[in-house]
Amino acid sequence: MPVLSEDWKMRPRYNWYSRLIRKYYKISVGLTKPRHPIPDKDIAGKAEREKRLVIQIPFGGLGDHLAYSSLPELLWKQKGIRTFVSNKSIFRSRAIREFVWEINPYIQFTNERGWFIHNPLEEGIVIDDYVQKLFRLKGNGLPKTYYQPQKVEQIDGKNVVDASFGPTGRANGYYEAEFHERFVAFLKDNVRDFVLLTHGDSPVRNELEGKIIGVFEPAFYNVGKIEELADVLFSAENRYLLHSGAASLSAALGLQSNILNYVKPSSYNAYRYRVNNYIDLKATE
């Protein structure tokens, strides 16, 4: 099982360490992918004939894994197809494997290589809808978690802001100074009173978090585990997140969150969940 880090959040700064991790990540993905991936046009028929489906998730983030998480239960209940998750899937941390798959009663693990979205049948796909339609399943188009969140009294009824993000942060424009300015301006105009989520024991903050702290001096709530993040999202009145695993987790909990973005929508449409409210802080061209 390729695990890239025991810390499920990547380091916040785009520096030599993060570049090294990303390079190792790309190599790991290349080594574990099947040489001849099964195209999407063939996978539904193959699964129905064999009454089994092996999923191999080629990217290791929480959102990457949640994108496939609704399939096992729907396939079993509607078509009698058993689902296996390949141990050759990439996991950014052991915690992601445990949270998304090990508590899922409808899957087993296997050492076989398997299917992942390849040569999609639609352009501009939204993954949650797409994978369910691909196998002709009736679903709500949302990812699935079997974790039952608990109320957090300190967060109950409050606004929360999570300015953390993973390796896609650079592609999404989250390191750009203009995005930081627009993010802070948005909070001033629309939120103001909120709790800022922090992750783990590290004192290192990304530059956006630093600006938020300098302007607002907000209350903090530290999140150490994915389960704790789920509890906080569940307890909050309103959630303001970046395009990250937290946005996918919120959708899996059936919650509407506000997702602040800074790139053209076409760059990340695939991971937009219809339950969320996406706010683009940079006008599209």
Protein backbone atom coordinates (compact mmCIF):
# COMPACT_ATOMS: atom_id res chain seq x y z
CA MET A 1 0.00 0.00 0.00
CA PRO A 2 1.79 3.17 -1.15
CA VAL A 3 1.51 5.70 1.70
CA LEU A 4 3.20 9.04 1.12
CA SER A 5 2.98 10.56 4.58
CA GLU A 6 1.64 9.73 8.02
CA ASP A 7 0.40 13.31 8.23
CA TRP A 8 -2.79 13.52 6.22
CA LYS A 9 -2.27 17.25 5.55
CA MET A 10 0.65 18.23 3.36
CA ARG A 11 3.01 20.99 4.48
CA PRO A 12 1.44 24.36 3.70
CA ARG A 13 4.37 26.06 1.98
CA TYR A 14 5.43 25.43 -1.60
CA ASN A 15 9.12 24.87 -0.89
CA TRP A 16 11.85 22.32 -1.61
CA TYR A 17 10.19 19.79 0.69
CA SER A 18 6.79 20.02 -0.95
CA ARG A 19 8.38 19.83 -4.42
CA LEU A 20 10.28 16.71 -3.37
CA ILE A 21 7.11 15.11 -2.01
CA ARG A 22 5.23 15.93 -5.21
CA LYS A 23 7.99 14.40 -7.32
CA TYR A 24 7.95 11.24 -5.20
CA TYR A 25 4.16 11.26 -5.44
CA LYS A 26 4.24 11.37 -9.27
CA ILE A 27 6.78 8.55 -9.41
CA SER A 28 4.64 6.42 -7.09
CA VAL A 29 1.56 7.03 -9.22
CA GLY A 30 3.47 6.06 -12.37
CA LEU A 31 4.82 2.85 -10.86
CA THR A 32 1.50 1.61 -9.53
CA LYS A 33 -0.82 2.43 -12.44
CA PRO A 34 -1.77 -0.48 -14.72
CA ARG A 35 0.13 -0.50 -18.01
CA HIS A 36 -3.11 -0.91 -19.93
CA PRO A 37 -5.89 0.84 -17.96
CA ILE A 38 -9.46 -0.28 -18.57
CA PRO A 39 -11.28 2.47 -20.50
CA ASP A 40 -14.49 3.77 -18.99
CA LYS A 41 -16.55 2.55 -21.97
CA ASP A 42 -15.73 -1.06 -21.03
CA ILE A 43 -15.78 -1.10 -17.24
CA ALA A 44 -19.53 -1.26 -16.54
CA GLY A 45 -20.05 -4.27 -18.82
CA LYS A 46 -16.97 -6.01 -17.41
CA ALA A 47 -18.15 -5.50 -13.82
CA GLU A 48 -21.63 -6.81 -14.59
CA ARG A 49 -20.30 -9.91 -16.33
CA GLU A 50 -17.84 -10.74 -13.56
CA LYS A 51 -20.03 -9.47 -10.70
CA ARG A 52 -16.98 -7.77 -9.23
CA LEU A 53 -15.15 -4.47 -9.56
CA VAL A 54 -11.61 -3.64 -8.49
CA ILE A 55 -11.00 0.08 -7.94
CA GLN A 56 -7.46 1.44 -7.91
CA ILE A 57 -7.36 5.10 -6.91
CA PRO A 58 -4.28 6.65 -8.55
CA PHE A 59 -4.19 9.85 -6.48
CA GLY A 60 -3.83 9.87 -2.73
CA GLY A 61 -5.89 12.73 -1.33
CA LEU A 62 -9.01 12.53 0.81
CA GLY A 63 -11.12 14.01 -2.00
CA ASP A 64 -9.60 11.63 -4.55
CA HIS A 65 -10.74 8.62 -2.54
CA LEU A 66 -14.13 10.02 -1.57
CA ALA A 67 -14.88 10.48 -5.29
CA TYR A 68 -15.27 6.68 -5.61
CA SER A 69 -16.75 6.05 -2.17
CA SER A 70 -20.43 5.84 -3.14
CA LEU A 71 -19.92 2.99 -5.62
CA PRO A 72 -19.53 -0.12 -3.38
CA GLU A 73 -22.89 0.10 -1.61
CA LEU A 74 -24.81 1.11 -4.73
CA LEU A 75 -23.21 -1.63 -6.86
CA TRP A 76 -23.97 -4.31 -4.30
CA LYS A 77 -27.56 -3.28 -3.55
CA GLN A 78 -28.62 -2.51 -7.12
CA LYS A 79 -26.58 -4.98 -9.19
CA GLY A 80 -25.12 -7.59 -6.84
CA ILE A 81 -21.57 -6.51 -7.78
CA ARG A 82 -18.87 -6.88 -5.14
CA THR A 83 -16.29 -4.10 -4.89
CA PHE A 84 -12.61 -4.49 -4.07
CA VAL A 85 -10.15 -1.66 -3.40
CA SER A 86 -6.65 -2.30 -4.67
CA ASN A 87 -3.78 -2.16 -2.20
CA LYS A 88 -1.87 -0.54 -5.05
CA SER A 89 -4.01 2.57 -4.68
CA ILE A 90 -2.12 5.66 -3.59
CA PHE A 91 -2.88 6.97 -0.10
CA ARG A 92 -1.49 10.27 1.10
CA SER A 93 -1.77 8.86 4.61
CA ARG A 94 -2.88 5.74 6.42
CA ALA A 95 -5.67 7.82 7.97
CA ILE A 96 -7.33 8.30 4.56
CA ARG A 97 -7.40 4.55 3.94
CA GLU A 98 -8.90 3.96 7.38
CA PHE A 99 -11.50 6.72 7.16
CA VAL A 100 -12.75 6.16 3.61
CA TRP A 101 -12.38 2.41 3.09
CA GLU A 102 -11.65 0.37 6.21
CA ILE A 103 -14.99 1.29 7.81
CA ASN A 104 -16.89 0.70 4.56
CA PRO A 105 -18.81 -2.59 5.01
CA TYR A 106 -19.22 -3.07 1.24
CA ILE A 107 -15.57 -3.44 0.20
CA GLN A 108 -12.65 -5.81 0.54
CA PHE A 109 -9.01 -5.15 -0.22
CA THR A 110 -7.04 -6.98 -2.90
CA ASN A 111 -3.52 -6.92 -4.31
CA GLU A 112 -4.87 -6.86 -7.87
CA ARG A 113 -4.52 -3.78 -10.02
CA GLY A 114 -7.82 -2.20 -10.93
CA TRP A 115 -9.93 0.40 -12.67
CA PHE A 116 -9.85 4.15 -12.26
CA ILE A 117 -11.48 6.83 -14.38
CA HIS A 118 -9.74 6.57 -17.75
CA ASN A 119 -10.85 8.05 -21.08
CA PRO A 120 -14.06 9.45 -19.60
CA LEU A 121 -17.17 9.31 -21.75
CA GLU A 122 -18.15 12.91 -20.97
CA GLU A 123 -16.32 16.21 -21.18
CA GLY A 124 -16.25 18.44 -18.11
CA ILE A 125 -17.42 15.59 -15.92
CA VAL A 126 -18.47 16.00 -12.32
CA ILE A 127 -17.06 12.85 -10.75
CA ASP A 128 -19.74 12.15 -8.16
CA ASP A 129 -22.49 12.06 -10.79
CA TYR A 130 -20.29 10.52 -13.45
CA VAL A 131 -19.24 7.33 -11.66
CA GLN A 132 -22.81 6.58 -10.65
CA LYS A 133 -24.12 7.17 -14.18
CA LEU A 134 -21.24 5.16 -15.65
CA PHE A 135 -22.49 2.03 -13.88
CA ARG A 136 -26.15 2.98 -14.45
CA LEU A 137 -26.80 3.37 -10.74
CA LYS A 138 -29.49 5.40 -9.00
CA GLY A 139 -27.78 7.60 -6.42
CA ASN A 140 -27.74 11.10 -5.03
CA GLY A 141 -24.49 12.05 -6.77
CA LEU A 142 -22.61 12.51 -3.51
CA PRO A 143 -19.63 10.72 -1.97
CA LYS A 144 -20.24 8.40 0.97
CA THR A 145 -18.81 8.17 4.46
CA TYR A 146 -19.77 5.63 7.12
CA TYR A 147 -18.41 7.74 9.94
CA GLN A 148 -21.10 9.13 12.24
CA PRO A 149 -20.07 12.67 13.21
CA GLN A 150 -20.48 13.98 16.74
CA LYS A 151 -21.43 17.48 17.88
CA VAL A 152 -18.58 19.69 19.06
CA GLU A 153 -19.96 22.08 21.66
CA GLN A 154 -17.29 24.76 21.03
CA ILE A 155 -18.25 24.88 17.34
CA ASP A 156 -21.99 24.26 17.50
CA GLY A 157 -23.82 27.01 15.60
CA LYS A 158 -20.66 28.97 14.67
CA ASN A 159 -18.99 29.88 11.40
CA VAL A 160 -15.74 28.04 10.62
CA VAL A 161 -13.01 28.95 8.14
CA ASP A 162 -10.47 26.37 6.96
CA ALA A 163 -7.72 27.95 4.89
CA SER A 164 -5.64 24.78 4.58
CA PHE A 165 -5.06 22.90 1.33
CA GLY A 166 -3.08 20.05 -0.15
CA PRO A 167 -0.72 19.72 -3.16
CA THR A 168 -3.29 21.15 -5.60
CA GLY A 169 -3.08 24.52 -3.86
CA ARG A 170 -0.54 25.90 -6.29
CA ALA A 171 -2.61 24.90 -9.34
CA ASN A 172 -5.69 26.44 -7.71
CA GLY A 173 -3.92 29.76 -7.19
CA TYR A 174 -3.93 29.58 -3.40
CA TYR A 175 -0.36 30.87 -3.09
CA GLU A 176 -1.05 34.05 -5.03
CA ALA A 177 -1.04 37.32 -3.08
CA GLU A 178 -4.10 38.61 -4.94
CA PHE A 179 -6.09 35.57 -3.87
CA HIS A 180 -5.09 36.21 -0.25
CA GLU A 181 -6.31 39.80 -0.52
CA ARG A 182 -9.61 38.77 -2.07
CA PHE A 183 -10.11 36.01 0.49
CA VAL A 184 -9.60 38.43 3.38
CA ALA A 185 -11.89 40.98 1.71
CA PHE A 186 -14.56 38.32 1.28
CA LEU A 187 -14.39 37.43 4.97
CA LYS A 188 -14.61 41.11 5.93
CA ASP A 189 -17.72 41.61 3.82
CA ASN A 190 -19.49 38.31 4.48
CA VAL A 191 -18.30 36.50 7.59
CA ARG A 192 -16.17 38.42 10.13
CA ASP A 193 -17.16 36.40 13.24
CA PHE A 194 -15.68 32.92 12.78
CA VAL A 195 -13.45 30.21 14.20
CA LEU A 196 -10.28 29.45 12.23
CA LEU A 197 -9.47 25.75 11.91
CA THR A 198 -5.85 24.69 12.33
CA HIS A 199 -4.41 21.24 11.66
CA GLY A 200 -2.11 19.27 13.92
CA ASP A 201 0.52 20.50 16.33
CA SER A 202 2.75 22.25 13.80
CA PRO A 203 3.19 26.00 14.40
CA VAL A 204 3.82 26.43 10.65
CA ARG A 205 0.99 28.27 8.90
CA ASN A 206 0.56 29.03 5.24
CA GLU A 207 0.68 32.68 4.24
CA LEU A 208 -3.08 32.92 3.83
CA GLU A 209 -3.67 31.71 7.38
CA GLY A 210 -1.09 34.22 8.58
CA LYS A 211 -2.96 37.09 6.91
CA ILE A 212 -6.28 35.95 8.34
CA ILE A 213 -4.79 35.82 11.82
CA GLY A 214 -3.21 39.27 11.41
CA VAL A 215 -6.42 40.94 10.25
CA PHE A 216 -9.09 39.21 12.35
CA GLU A 217 -7.31 37.71 15.40
CA PRO A 218 -9.89 34.90 15.36
CA ALA A 219 -10.52 32.11 17.82
CA PHE A 220 -8.80 28.83 16.87
CA TYR A 221 -9.88 25.21 16.89
CA ASN A 222 -7.23 22.57 16.26
CA VAL A 223 -8.12 19.50 14.19
CA GLY A 224 -5.78 16.52 14.40
CA LYS A 225 -7.73 13.73 12.71
CA ILE A 226 -10.10 13.39 9.78
CA GLU A 227 -12.82 12.30 12.21
CA GLU A 228 -12.33 15.53 14.16
CA LEU A 229 -12.63 17.53 10.95
CA ALA A 230 -15.89 15.72 10.16
CA ASP A 231 -17.20 16.54 13.65
CA VAL A 232 -16.34 20.23 13.24
CA LEU A 233 -17.90 20.50 9.77
CA PHE A 234 -21.02 18.76 11.07
CA SER A 235 -21.30 21.09 14.07
CA ALA A 236 -20.75 24.43 12.32
CA GLU A 237 -23.55 26.70 11.18
CA ASN A 238 -21.63 27.82 8.08
CA ARG A 239 -18.43 26.49 6.54
CA TYR A 240 -15.95 28.46 4.41
CA LEU A 241 -13.40 26.15 2.81
CA LEU A 242 -10.92 25.96 -0.02
CA HIS A 243 -11.03 23.45 -2.86
CA SER A 244 -9.61 20.60 -0.77
CA GLY A 245 -10.45 17.30 0.89
CA ALA A 246 -12.57 19.17 3.41
CA ALA A 247 -14.93 20.25 0.61
CA SER A 248 -15.39 16.61 -0.46
CA LEU A 249 -15.83 15.52 3.15
CA SER A 250 -18.49 18.15 3.68
CA ALA A 251 -20.37 16.82 0.64
CA ALA A 252 -20.07 13.25 1.95
CA LEU A 253 -21.74 14.43 5.16
CA GLY A 254 -24.55 15.96 3.09
CA LEU A 255 -23.64 19.50 4.19
CA GLN A 256 -23.63 22.62 2.05
CA SER A 257 -20.35 24.50 2.40
CA ASN A 258 -19.00 27.64 0.77
CA ILE A 259 -15.93 26.79 -1.31
CA LEU A 260 -13.72 29.74 -2.26
CA ASN A 261 -11.75 29.38 -5.48
CA TYR A 262 -9.41 31.43 -7.61
CA VAL A 263 -9.03 29.60 -10.92
CA LYS A 264 -11.23 29.04 -13.93
CA PRO A 265 -14.08 26.66 -13.06
CA SER A 266 -13.09 24.30 -15.89
CA SER A 267 -9.84 23.57 -14.03
CA TYR A 268 -11.59 21.81 -11.16
CA ASN A 269 -15.18 21.13 -12.26
CA ALA A 270 -14.63 17.41 -11.86
CA TYR A 271 -14.50 17.72 -8.09
CA ARG A 272 -17.39 20.14 -7.68
CA TYR A 273 -20.19 18.65 -5.65
CA ARG A 274 -23.61 20.11 -6.34
CA VAL A 275 -24.47 20.30 -2.66
CA ASN A 276 -21.70 22.88 -2.13
CA ASN A 277 -21.78 26.59 -2.96
CA TYR A 278 -18.75 27.53 -5.07
CA ILE A 279 -17.59 31.14 -4.95
CA ASP A 280 -15.03 32.22 -7.53
CA LEU A 281 -12.97 35.13 -6.24
CA LYS A 282 -11.36 35.68 -9.64
CA ALA A 283 -13.55 36.56 -12.61
CA THR A 284 -13.40 33.90 -15.31
CA GLU A 285 -12.15 34.91 -18.70
